[in-house]
């Protein structure tokens, strides 16, 4: 059996990237929360022809700019004849992730290694940076949802690449960097542009390679392009509606919480979301402390600190908002893997192999219980969690899961001895666990998480032209899913509406008042927290 040479070749890295991205990406309905909201926005853009104003259930939604929604709508339009719209639209996330892997690989490779082994060191750091990004625990599920943060992640990685190339080609690098900042700005707002610009400006001041006349040649296009992109977007929105432009600007600048509590929450979130990149990044910062003014160490270190400040200032505590930390931590962590002590590398290697092997075995055991009824106790637990679900054997999904297992075993058993082996095996374990789950458990998970059944049941009880439908207690993801699946759009309570939809808990019913008759009480299978009750005015 041939051994796997380390660091892995580009072909092996490409196979790992594809095996990570594709499984499960186009295999489920929109899920709560960001997935359902983003797909509804993209679908609404395509259906209405209005690509300027993002809308959820017909109402403007300006919390994030529209770049990712444009990508998702374009992907849905291009492949909608082959796949359901939500699956086709979600492929935009796959493209963003592949771009992020490629850019972070090149960013590490062009980080300015010097010495006799510069080429080999750069190649090893590039492979490790990509593997650390792919192995981030937080991306196991999030990379397979429709999320604007993934477009911003790709832009972040591109920004680091062009910043690394500013030493040799400052003007071209400045144009590329400015385009990356503009893309990030039009994807998620100010957080990622702040991170990239803070790292770039600090590098111009502290890194000797970037000082002098080349700094100005780099910074002019780097600052001009995002400013022009922001001006164009808000000017176009202002021409449509000054009120919408003002609301979008307010959302761009609005902090949604307090800095201190958000910082503490994100530190906790990052402890698992950015694992194992963050401990390796801390080690690299210590091991390379004498080289801290070099671009390859200084830039990702400053960017990681800036990202932590920016996401804490924003005030939100959703785990997706920790995504700006991933690229700088992966780049910094990749620099220190060659200096990692043998005991630490062995511990990470052993932990990854045992953890992913164990949990993948549990996935297989659960699949056996779902499809055969054995072991009976586990089969009963699955049936209780998703009442009414009947597992079907899918030969193709089964075969892919087997291939993933064999590939992982080959990497575990035949990877050559190298400081990078622990990172390779970790990333391969992430690919194995997620791919096996997506192939074997995805129908079961989608059966519980999808709002399609709820939406269609409610739609079947409404007349063809129900008029306005008022609503109470409906969350944003639920409104997005009901609109996407069944065209049900609720408004504020009004005496003109004949129907009223209430989202509540199973044992807590809040009727709209006298003069209403309940005609539906539905929920997702096994969901013990949400019920949807439809009332008709007598």
Protein backbone atom coordinates (compact mmCIF):
# COMPACT_ATOMS: atom_id res chain seq x y z
CA UNK A 1 0.00 0.00 0.00
CA UNK A 2 1.55 3.38 -0.97
CA UNK A 3 2.31 5.79 1.84
CA UNK A 4 0.90 9.31 1.95
CA UNK A 5 3.77 11.76 1.59
CA UNK A 6 3.58 14.83 3.84
CA UNK A 7 2.94 17.68 3.44
CA UNK A 8 0.15 16.48 1.12
CA UNK A 9 0.25 17.32 -2.56
CA UNK A 10 -2.23 19.74 -4.10
CA UNK A 11 -4.17 16.79 -5.54
CA UNK A 12 -4.67 15.26 -2.08
CA UNK A 13 -5.65 18.64 -0.64
CA UNK A 14 -8.16 19.13 -3.45
CA UNK A 15 -9.72 15.72 -2.76
CA UNK A 16 -10.00 16.52 0.94
CA UNK A 17 -11.55 19.92 0.17
CA UNK A 18 -14.15 18.43 -2.18
CA UNK A 19 -14.90 15.59 0.25
CA UNK A 20 -15.48 18.17 2.98
CA UNK A 21 -17.59 20.59 0.93
CA UNK A 22 -19.94 18.45 -1.13
CA UNK A 23 -21.59 15.94 1.27
CA UNK A 24 -24.83 17.30 2.66
CA UNK A 25 -24.60 20.64 0.86
CA UNK A 26 -27.52 19.92 -1.47
CA UNK A 27 -29.43 17.32 0.47
CA UNK A 28 -31.85 19.03 2.84
CA UNK A 29 -34.56 21.65 3.11
CA UNK A 30 -33.80 25.08 4.61
CA UNK A 31 -33.00 24.75 8.31
CA UNK A 32 -33.36 27.22 11.14
CA UNK A 33 -32.03 29.84 11.33
CA UNK A 34 -29.61 31.56 8.94
CA UNK A 35 -30.06 28.87 6.27
CA UNK A 36 -33.82 29.45 5.99
CA UNK A 37 -33.50 33.25 6.04
CA UNK A 38 -30.80 33.40 3.38
CA UNK A 39 -32.54 30.98 1.02
CA UNK A 40 -35.81 32.89 1.34
CA UNK A 41 -34.00 36.14 0.47
CA UNK A 42 -32.31 34.61 -2.58
CA UNK A 43 -35.57 32.99 -3.72
CA UNK A 44 -37.42 36.27 -3.30
CA UNK A 45 -34.81 38.11 -5.38
CA UNK A 46 -35.15 35.64 -8.21
CA UNK A 47 -38.95 35.49 -8.07
CA UNK A 48 -39.51 39.25 -7.88
CA UNK A 49 -36.63 40.43 -10.03
CA UNK A 50 -35.66 42.90 -7.29
CA UNK A 51 -31.96 42.19 -6.68
CA UNK A 52 -31.32 45.39 -4.77
CA UNK A 53 -33.36 45.02 -1.57
CA UNK A 54 -33.10 41.76 0.44
CA UNK A 55 -36.53 40.73 1.73
CA UNK A 56 -37.84 38.08 4.13
CA UNK A 57 -41.50 37.17 3.62
CA UNK A 58 -41.90 40.28 1.50
CA UNK A 59 -40.48 42.72 4.06
CA UNK A 60 -37.08 44.48 3.70
CA UNK A 61 -34.31 42.82 5.70
CA UNK A 62 -31.13 44.89 5.81
CA UNK A 63 -29.01 43.28 8.53
CA UNK A 64 -26.54 42.01 5.94
CA UNK A 65 -25.64 43.42 2.51
CA UNK A 66 -26.67 41.45 -0.58
CA UNK A 67 -23.50 39.92 -2.10
CA UNK A 68 -23.99 36.38 -0.83
CA UNK A 69 -27.71 36.56 -1.66
CA UNK A 70 -26.79 37.47 -5.23
CA UNK A 71 -24.46 34.47 -5.43
CA UNK A 72 -27.12 32.14 -4.01
CA UNK A 73 -29.82 33.50 -6.33
CA UNK A 74 -27.52 33.14 -9.35
CA UNK A 75 -26.61 29.58 -8.34
CA UNK A 76 -30.28 28.74 -7.83
CA UNK A 77 -31.17 30.19 -11.23
CA UNK A 78 -28.34 28.36 -13.01
CA UNK A 79 -29.04 24.94 -11.48
CA UNK A 80 -32.71 25.24 -10.57
CA UNK A 81 -33.70 22.93 -13.40
CA UNK A 82 -31.52 20.15 -12.00
CA UNK A 83 -32.00 20.64 -8.25
CA UNK A 84 -34.59 22.16 -5.94
CA UNK A 85 -33.90 25.87 -5.58
CA UNK A 86 -32.66 25.64 -1.98
CA UNK A 87 -30.15 22.94 -2.84
CA UNK A 88 -28.94 24.80 -5.92
CA UNK A 89 -28.67 28.08 -4.02
CA UNK A 90 -26.70 26.46 -1.21
CA UNK A 91 -23.99 25.46 -3.68
CA UNK A 92 -22.84 29.08 -3.43
CA UNK A 93 -21.55 28.13 0.02
CA UNK A 94 -19.54 25.32 -1.52
CA UNK A 95 -17.93 27.72 -3.99
CA UNK A 96 -17.13 30.14 -1.18
CA UNK A 97 -15.51 27.40 0.90
CA UNK A 98 -13.41 26.11 -2.00
CA UNK A 99 -12.30 29.68 -2.70
CA UNK A 100 -11.43 30.15 0.98
CA UNK A 101 -9.31 26.97 0.97
CA UNK A 102 -7.47 28.02 -2.17
CA UNK A 103 -6.81 31.57 -1.01
CA UNK A 104 -5.62 30.58 2.47
CA UNK A 105 -3.30 27.99 0.88
CA UNK A 106 -1.76 30.64 -1.37
CA UNK A 107 -1.64 33.20 1.44
CA UNK A 108 0.49 30.89 3.57
CA UNK A 109 2.63 29.87 0.60
CA UNK A 110 3.47 33.52 -0.23
CA UNK A 111 4.11 34.54 3.37
CA UNK A 112 7.80 35.30 2.79
CA UNK A 113 9.80 32.32 4.04
CA UNK A 114 13.56 32.73 3.71
CA UNK A 115 16.53 30.39 3.97
CA UNK A 116 17.67 27.13 2.44
CA UNK A 117 14.40 25.28 3.08
CA UNK A 118 12.15 28.23 2.26
CA UNK A 119 10.28 26.45 -0.52
CA UNK A 120 9.61 23.32 1.53
CA UNK A 121 8.64 25.37 4.60
CA UNK A 122 6.22 27.47 2.55
CA UNK A 123 4.66 24.37 1.02
CA UNK A 124 4.19 22.77 4.43
CA UNK A 125 2.70 25.92 5.96
CA UNK A 126 0.33 26.32 3.00
CA UNK A 127 -0.99 22.76 3.35
CA UNK A 128 -1.36 23.10 7.13
CA UNK A 129 -3.20 26.43 6.85
CA UNK A 130 -5.76 24.93 4.51
CA UNK A 131 -6.13 21.82 6.68
CA UNK A 132 -6.54 23.86 9.87
CA UNK A 133 -9.27 25.91 8.22
CA UNK A 134 -11.05 22.78 6.98
CA UNK A 135 -10.59 21.14 10.37
CA UNK A 136 -12.20 23.97 12.34
CA UNK A 137 -14.93 22.41 14.45
CA UNK A 138 -17.25 25.36 13.90
CA UNK A 139 -17.32 24.82 10.15
CA UNK A 140 -18.43 21.19 10.29
CA UNK A 141 -22.06 22.21 10.00
CA UNK A 142 -21.87 25.93 9.20
CA UNK A 143 -19.87 25.41 6.01
CA UNK A 144 -22.84 23.48 4.62
CA UNK A 145 -25.48 26.14 5.20
CA UNK A 146 -26.45 29.19 3.17
CA UNK A 147 -24.59 31.81 5.21
CA UNK A 148 -23.19 35.20 4.12
CA UNK A 149 -20.31 34.67 6.57
CA UNK A 150 -18.87 32.09 4.16
CA UNK A 151 -18.50 34.71 1.43
CA UNK A 152 -16.81 36.97 3.98
CA UNK A 153 -14.50 34.08 4.93
CA UNK A 154 -13.42 33.64 1.31
CA UNK A 155 -12.84 37.42 1.07
CA UNK A 156 -10.77 37.32 4.29
CA UNK A 157 -8.50 34.61 2.91
CA UNK A 158 -8.13 36.51 -0.37
CA UNK A 159 -7.22 39.65 1.57
CA UNK A 160 -4.41 37.84 3.37
CA UNK A 161 -3.10 36.52 0.06
CA UNK A 162 -2.90 39.97 -1.53
CA UNK A 163 -1.41 41.47 1.62
CA UNK A 164 1.34 38.83 1.52
CA UNK A 165 2.06 39.73 -2.13
CA UNK A 166 2.24 43.47 -1.41
CA UNK A 167 5.99 43.19 -0.86
CA UNK A 168 6.69 42.42 -4.52
CA UNK A 169 3.74 43.91 -6.41
CA UNK A 170 2.18 46.63 -4.27
CA UNK A 171 -0.18 48.13 -6.86
CA UNK A 172 -1.65 44.85 -8.13
CA UNK A 173 -1.81 43.54 -4.58
CA UNK A 174 -3.55 46.72 -3.44
CA UNK A 175 -6.20 46.30 -6.13
CA UNK A 176 -6.78 42.68 -5.14
CA UNK A 177 -6.82 43.53 -1.44
CA UNK A 178 -9.29 46.36 -2.02
CA UNK A 179 -11.56 44.04 -4.01
CA UNK A 180 -11.42 41.49 -1.16
CA UNK A 181 -12.33 44.16 1.41
CA UNK A 182 -15.17 45.37 -0.83
CA UNK A 183 -16.49 41.79 -1.17
CA UNK A 184 -16.39 41.34 2.60
CA UNK A 185 -18.15 44.67 3.13
CA UNK A 186 -20.94 43.67 0.74
CA UNK A 187 -21.24 40.23 2.40
CA UNK A 188 -21.53 40.89 6.13
CA UNK A 189 -20.82 44.55 6.82
CA UNK A 190 -17.97 46.22 8.68
CA UNK A 191 -16.47 43.41 10.79
CA UNK A 192 -14.20 41.73 8.23
CA UNK A 193 -13.17 45.01 6.49
CA UNK A 194 -12.11 46.31 9.91
CA UNK A 195 -10.04 43.17 10.50
CA UNK A 196 -8.31 43.29 7.11
CA UNK A 197 -7.67 47.03 7.13
CA UNK A 198 -6.40 46.99 10.72
CA UNK A 199 -3.92 44.22 9.82
CA UNK A 200 -2.84 46.02 6.63
CA UNK A 201 -2.31 49.41 8.28
CA UNK A 202 -0.48 47.89 11.23
CA UNK A 203 1.75 45.92 8.85
CA UNK A 204 2.67 49.08 6.93
CA UNK A 205 3.87 50.61 10.19
CA UNK A 206 5.67 47.67 11.81
CA UNK A 207 6.87 45.34 9.04
CA UNK A 208 10.07 46.50 7.31
CA UNK A 209 9.16 44.73 4.05
CA UNK A 210 6.10 46.92 3.54
CA UNK A 211 7.43 50.36 4.49
CA UNK A 212 8.38 53.12 2.12
CA UNK A 213 6.93 54.15 -1.23
CA UNK A 214 5.33 50.74 -1.82
CA UNK A 215 3.05 51.34 1.18
CA UNK A 216 1.31 54.26 -0.50
CA UNK A 217 1.00 52.39 -3.81
CA UNK A 218 -0.66 49.52 -1.94
CA UNK A 219 -2.93 51.54 0.32
CA UNK A 220 -4.46 53.84 -2.30
CA UNK A 221 -6.37 51.12 -4.20
CA UNK A 222 -6.80 49.08 -1.01
CA UNK A 223 -8.82 51.90 0.55
CA UNK A 224 -10.43 53.32 -2.60
CA UNK A 225 -12.12 50.15 -3.84
CA UNK A 226 -14.14 49.32 -0.70
CA UNK A 227 -15.10 52.98 -0.36
CA UNK A 228 -16.40 52.98 -3.94
CA UNK A 229 -18.25 49.69 -3.40
CA UNK A 230 -19.96 51.00 -0.27
CA UNK A 231 -20.83 54.28 -1.98
CA UNK A 232 -22.30 52.47 -4.99
CA UNK A 233 -24.44 50.14 -2.86
CA UNK A 234 -25.83 52.83 -0.59
CA UNK A 235 -26.32 55.28 -3.48
CA UNK A 236 -28.32 52.67 -5.42
CA UNK A 237 -30.37 51.93 -2.32
CA UNK A 238 -30.89 55.63 -1.70
CA UNK A 239 -32.17 56.16 -5.23
CA UNK A 240 -34.72 53.41 -4.61
CA UNK A 241 -35.72 54.64 -1.15
CA UNK A 242 -33.92 57.11 1.15
CA UNK A 243 -35.64 55.44 4.10
CA UNK A 244 -34.21 52.03 3.16
CA UNK A 245 -30.75 53.51 2.67
CA UNK A 246 -30.94 55.17 6.09
CA UNK A 247 -32.08 51.89 7.68
CA UNK A 248 -29.27 49.96 5.99
CA UNK A 249 -26.69 52.50 7.16
CA UNK A 250 -28.06 52.32 10.69
CA UNK A 251 -27.85 48.52 10.65
CA UNK A 252 -24.27 48.72 9.38
CA UNK A 253 -23.19 50.81 12.37
CA UNK A 254 -25.47 49.36 15.04
CA UNK A 255 -23.97 47.41 17.92
CA UNK A 256 -26.40 44.70 19.08
CA UNK A 257 -25.13 44.21 22.61
CA UNK A 258 -22.57 45.16 25.23
CA UNK A 259 -18.87 44.75 24.49
CA UNK A 260 -17.84 42.98 27.70
CA UNK A 261 -20.47 40.21 27.77
CA UNK A 262 -20.09 39.67 24.01
CA UNK A 263 -16.31 39.37 24.36
CA UNK A 264 -16.65 36.75 27.09
CA UNK A 265 -19.23 34.84 25.06
CA UNK A 266 -17.05 34.84 21.94
CA UNK A 267 -14.01 33.67 23.88
CA UNK A 268 -16.05 30.68 25.03
CA UNK A 269 -17.41 30.11 21.52
CA UNK A 270 -13.96 30.37 19.93
CA UNK A 271 -12.62 27.72 22.32
CA UNK A 272 -14.53 25.10 20.33
CA UNK A 273 -15.44 26.92 17.11
CA UNK A 274 -11.79 27.62 16.20
CA UNK A 275 -10.36 24.36 17.54
CA UNK A 276 -7.63 23.18 16.89
CA UNK A 277 -6.34 26.36 15.20
CA UNK A 278 -6.29 28.57 18.29
CA UNK A 279 -3.94 26.54 20.55
CA UNK A 280 -1.59 26.06 17.59
CA UNK A 281 -1.74 29.80 16.91
CA UNK A 282 -0.83 30.56 20.53
CA UNK A 283 2.08 28.16 20.31
CA UNK A 284 3.25 29.73 17.04
CA UNK A 285 3.08 33.22 18.55
CA UNK A 286 5.37 32.05 21.36
CA UNK A 287 7.72 29.90 19.29
CA UNK A 288 8.18 32.63 16.66
CA UNK A 289 8.23 35.59 19.04
CA UNK A 290 11.63 36.68 17.71
CA UNK A 291 10.12 36.96 14.23
CA UNK A 292 7.01 38.85 15.25
CA UNK A 293 7.73 41.77 12.90
CA UNK A 294 7.71 39.56 9.81
CA UNK A 295 4.58 39.70 7.68
CA UNK A 296 3.83 35.99 8.11
CA UNK A 297 3.64 36.24 11.91
CA UNK A 298 2.60 39.85 12.53
CA UNK A 299 -0.32 40.08 10.09
CA UNK A 300 -2.38 37.05 11.26
CA UNK A 301 -1.65 37.84 14.92
CA UNK A 302 -2.94 41.42 14.58
CA UNK A 303 -5.88 40.22 12.47
CA UNK A 304 -6.93 37.67 15.10
CA UNK A 305 -6.90 40.31 17.84
CA UNK A 306 -8.76 42.77 15.61
CA UNK A 307 -11.35 40.10 14.80
CA UNK A 308 -11.97 39.43 18.47
CA UNK A 309 -12.46 43.14 19.14
CA UNK A 310 -14.70 43.61 16.10
CA UNK A 311 -17.06 40.71 16.79
CA UNK A 312 -17.30 41.70 20.45
CA UNK A 313 -18.10 45.30 19.48
CA UNK A 314 -20.85 44.06 17.20
CA UNK A 315 -22.42 42.57 20.29
CA UNK A 316 -24.04 39.51 18.75
CA UNK A 317 -23.23 36.10 20.20
CA UNK A 318 -24.26 33.76 17.37
CA UNK A 319 -21.46 31.26 16.77
CA UNK A 320 -21.35 32.12 13.04
CA UNK A 321 -20.11 35.58 13.97
CA UNK A 322 -16.87 34.01 15.25
CA UNK A 323 -16.00 33.03 11.66
CA UNK A 324 -13.64 36.04 11.12
CA UNK A 325 -11.29 34.44 13.66
CA UNK A 326 -10.74 31.28 11.62
CA UNK A 327 -8.52 32.46 8.75
CA UNK A 328 -5.95 34.42 10.83
CA UNK A 329 -5.76 31.66 13.43
CA UNK A 330 -5.26 29.04 10.70
CA UNK A 331 -2.50 31.11 9.08
CA UNK A 332 -0.73 31.76 12.36
CA UNK A 333 -1.17 28.20 13.62
CA UNK A 334 0.27 26.80 10.39
CA UNK A 335 3.53 28.72 11.03
CA UNK A 336 4.15 26.91 14.29
CA UNK A 337 3.43 23.31 13.34
CA UNK A 338 7.04 22.72 12.25
CA UNK A 339 8.17 23.83 15.75
CA UNK A 340 5.52 21.76 17.56
CA UNK A 341 7.03 19.44 20.11
CA UNK A 342 6.73 15.75 19.46
CA UNK A 343 4.59 15.05 22.54
CA UNK A 344 2.09 17.78 21.72
CA UNK A 345 1.84 16.66 18.09
CA UNK A 346 1.32 13.07 19.18
CA UNK A 347 -1.38 14.10 21.67
CA UNK A 348 -3.32 16.06 19.02
CA UNK A 349 -2.87 13.18 16.57
CA UNK A 350 -4.12 10.55 19.03
CA UNK A 351 -7.02 12.72 20.20
CA UNK A 352 -8.18 13.35 16.61
CA UNK A 353 -7.96 9.72 15.52
CA UNK A 354 -9.76 8.39 18.59
CA UNK A 355 -12.43 11.11 18.66
CA UNK A 356 -13.44 10.97 15.02
CA UNK A 357 -13.14 7.21 14.86
CA UNK A 358 -15.39 6.80 17.91
CA UNK A 359 -18.11 9.23 16.81
CA UNK A 360 -18.13 7.89 13.25
CA UNK A 361 -18.62 4.40 14.67
CA UNK A 362 -21.62 5.75 16.59
CA UNK A 363 -23.04 7.19 13.34
CA UNK A 364 -22.74 3.79 11.70
CA UNK A 365 -24.36 2.11 14.71
CA UNK A 366 -27.25 4.58 14.58
CA UNK A 367 -27.66 3.96 10.85
CA UNK A 368 -27.78 0.21 11.47
CA UNK A 369 -30.45 0.76 14.12
CA UNK A 370 -32.54 3.00 11.83
CA UNK A 371 -32.46 0.64 8.86
CA UNK A 372 -32.62 -2.78 10.55
CA UNK A 373 -34.16 -2.15 13.98
CA UNK A 374 -31.08 -3.53 15.77
CA UNK A 375 -30.01 -2.73 18.43
CA UNK A 376 -33.68 -2.34 19.40
CA UNK A 377 -33.11 0.19 22.20
CA UNK A 378 -31.25 2.58 19.89
CA UNK A 379 -33.86 2.06 17.18
CA UNK A 380 -36.61 3.01 19.65
CA UNK A 381 -34.74 6.19 20.55
CA UNK A 382 -34.56 7.21 16.90
CA UNK A 383 -38.24 6.45 16.41
CA UNK A 384 -39.14 8.47 19.50
CA UNK A 385 -37.09 11.45 18.35
CA UNK A 386 -38.54 11.46 14.82
CA UNK A 387 -41.99 9.81 15.01
CA UNK A 388 -43.20 8.61 11.65
CA UNK A 389 -39.79 8.55 9.98
CA UNK A 390 -39.00 5.43 7.94
CA UNK A 391 -35.35 4.98 6.96
CA UNK A 392 -34.64 3.87 3.41
CA UNK A 393 -31.46 2.16 2.24
CA UNK A 394 -29.64 4.31 -0.33
CA UNK A 395 -26.95 2.33 -2.14
CA UNK A 396 -25.08 5.42 -3.40
CA UNK A 397 -25.00 7.13 0.00
CA UNK A 398 -23.89 3.88 1.63
CA UNK A 399 -21.10 3.45 -0.92
CA UNK A 400 -19.85 7.01 -0.42
CA UNK A 401 -19.78 6.51 3.35
CA UNK A 402 -17.73 3.33 2.88
CA UNK A 403 -15.28 5.12 0.56
CA UNK A 404 -14.85 7.90 3.13
CA UNK A 405 -14.10 5.33 5.83
CA UNK A 406 -11.53 3.56 3.64
CA UNK A 407 -9.87 6.85 2.72
CA UNK A 408 -9.64 7.86 6.37
CA UNK A 409 -8.14 4.49 7.31
CA UNK A 410 -5.52 4.88 4.57
CA UNK A 411 -4.54 8.30 5.91
CA UNK A 412 -4.43 7.03 9.50
CA UNK A 413 -2.41 3.92 8.72
CA UNK A 414 -0.14 5.07 5.90
CA UNK A 415 0.57 8.78 6.46
CA UNK A 416 4.32 9.35 6.62
CA UNK A 417 5.90 10.58 9.84
CA UNK A 418 5.88 14.38 9.85
CA UNK A 419 5.00 17.32 12.11
CA UNK A 420 2.01 17.88 9.80
CA UNK A 421 0.60 14.39 10.31
CA UNK A 422 -1.60 15.37 13.26
CA UNK A 423 -3.21 18.20 11.27
CA UNK A 424 -3.75 15.96 8.23
CA UNK A 425 -5.40 13.27 10.30
CA UNK A 426 -7.53 15.83 12.14
CA UNK A 427 -8.85 17.33 8.91
CA UNK A 428 -9.43 13.85 7.48
CA UNK A 429 -11.40 12.99 10.63
CA UNK A 430 -13.63 16.05 10.16
CA UNK A 431 -14.25 14.99 6.55
CA UNK A 432 -15.04 11.45 7.69
CA UNK A 433 -17.45 12.41 10.47
CA UNK A 434 -19.41 15.03 8.55
CA UNK A 435 -19.48 13.01 5.32
CA UNK A 436 -20.69 9.89 7.10
CA UNK A 437 -23.39 11.85 8.93
CA UNK A 438 -24.49 13.53 5.69
CA UNK A 439 -24.69 10.26 3.82
CA UNK A 440 -26.36 8.13 6.49
CA UNK A 441 -28.27 10.43 8.87
CA UNK A 442 -29.24 13.41 6.72
CA UNK A 443 -32.76 12.13 5.83
CA UNK A 444 -33.47 11.57 9.53
CA UNK A 445 -32.16 15.03 10.50
CA UNK A 446 -34.01 16.77 7.68
CA UNK A 447 -37.25 15.03 8.61
CA UNK A 448 -37.14 16.81 11.99
CA UNK A 449 -35.61 20.14 11.00
CA UNK A 450 -37.56 20.91 7.83
CA UNK A 451 -40.56 23.24 7.96
CA UNK A 452 -41.93 21.93 4.67
CA UNK A 453 -44.56 19.69 6.29
CA UNK A 454 -45.77 22.46 8.60
CA UNK A 455 -46.01 24.96 5.75
CA UNK A 456 -47.88 22.61 3.42
CA UNK A 457 -50.34 21.55 6.13
CA UNK A 458 -51.16 25.18 6.88
CA UNK A 459 -51.41 26.03 3.18
CA UNK A 460 -53.86 23.17 2.59
CA UNK A 461 -56.28 24.71 5.11
CA UNK A 462 -56.21 28.16 3.55
CA UNK A 463 -58.33 29.18 0.55
CA UNK A 464 -56.64 29.98 -2.75
CA UNK A 465 -56.91 33.71 -1.99
CA UNK A 466 -56.83 34.01 1.82
CA UNK A 467 -56.14 37.73 1.87
CA UNK A 468 -53.90 39.01 4.63
CA UNK A 469 -52.82 36.58 7.37
CA UNK A 470 -51.91 38.15 10.69
CA UNK A 471 -49.34 36.53 12.94
CA UNK A 472 -48.15 36.47 16.55
CA UNK A 473 -44.92 35.12 17.98
CA UNK A 474 -43.44 33.98 14.66
CA UNK A 475 -39.67 34.01 14.56
CA UNK A 476 -37.77 35.29 11.55
CA UNK A 477 -36.55 31.82 10.40
CA UNK A 478 -40.08 30.44 10.71
CA UNK A 479 -41.55 33.30 8.68
CA UNK A 480 -38.85 32.75 6.05
CA UNK A 481 -39.55 28.99 5.85
CA UNK A 482 -43.34 29.42 5.63
CA UNK A 483 -42.93 31.99 2.87
CA UNK A 484 -40.44 29.87 0.93
CA UNK A 485 -42.32 26.56 1.12
CA UNK A 486 -45.93 27.73 0.88
CA UNK A 487 -46.03 31.46 0.17
CA UNK A 488 -47.52 32.16 3.61
CA UNK A 489 -46.64 35.70 4.66
CA UNK A 490 -47.90 37.13 7.91
CA UNK A 491 -48.51 40.75 8.88
CA UNK A 492 -49.19 42.54 12.15
CA UNK A 493 -52.61 41.81 13.70
CA UNK A 494 -55.31 43.68 11.80
CA UNK A 495 -59.15 43.59 11.82
CA UNK A 496 -59.00 43.16 8.03
CA UNK A 497 -57.35 39.71 8.28
CA UNK A 498 -59.60 36.64 8.28
CA UNK A 499 -56.80 34.29 9.40
CA UNK A 500 -54.37 34.49 12.29
CA UNK A 501 -51.26 32.31 12.81
CA UNK A 502 -49.69 31.89 16.24
CA UNK A 503 -46.34 30.29 17.05
CA UNK A 504 -46.22 29.00 20.60
CA UNK A 505 -45.23 26.13 22.88
CA UNK A 506 -47.11 22.82 22.84
CA UNK A 507 -48.71 23.26 26.27
CA UNK A 508 -49.19 27.01 26.12
CA UNK A 509 -51.91 28.22 23.79
CA UNK A 510 -52.52 31.91 23.24
CA UNK A 511 -55.76 32.34 21.32
CA UNK A 512 -56.27 35.65 19.50
CA UNK A 513 -59.49 36.30 21.43
CA UNK A 514 -63.25 35.76 21.07
CA UNK A 515 -64.65 35.37 17.61
CA UNK A 516 -61.87 33.06 16.34
CA UNK A 517 -61.98 29.31 15.62
CA UNK A 518 -58.86 27.16 15.61
CA UNK A 519 -58.54 25.20 12.36
CA UNK A 520 -54.99 23.82 12.68
CA UNK A 521 -52.51 22.86 15.40
CA UNK A 522 -49.36 21.49 13.74
CA UNK A 523 -45.65 21.17 14.38
CA UNK A 524 -42.52 19.43 13.20
CA UNK A 525 -42.16 15.72 14.08
CA UNK A 526 -40.68 15.31 17.54
CA UNK A 527 -40.45 19.09 18.13
CA UNK A 528 -41.31 19.77 21.78
CA UNK A 529 -40.82 23.54 21.65
CA UNK A 530 -42.82 24.85 18.67
CA UNK A 531 -46.48 24.56 17.63
CA UNK A 532 -48.27 26.51 14.91
CA UNK A 533 -51.94 27.24 15.45
CA UNK A 534 -54.05 28.70 12.67
CA UNK A 535 -57.27 30.54 13.53
CA UNK A 536 -60.14 31.70 11.33
CA UNK A 537 -62.34 34.63 12.17
CA UNK A 538 -65.94 33.48 12.75
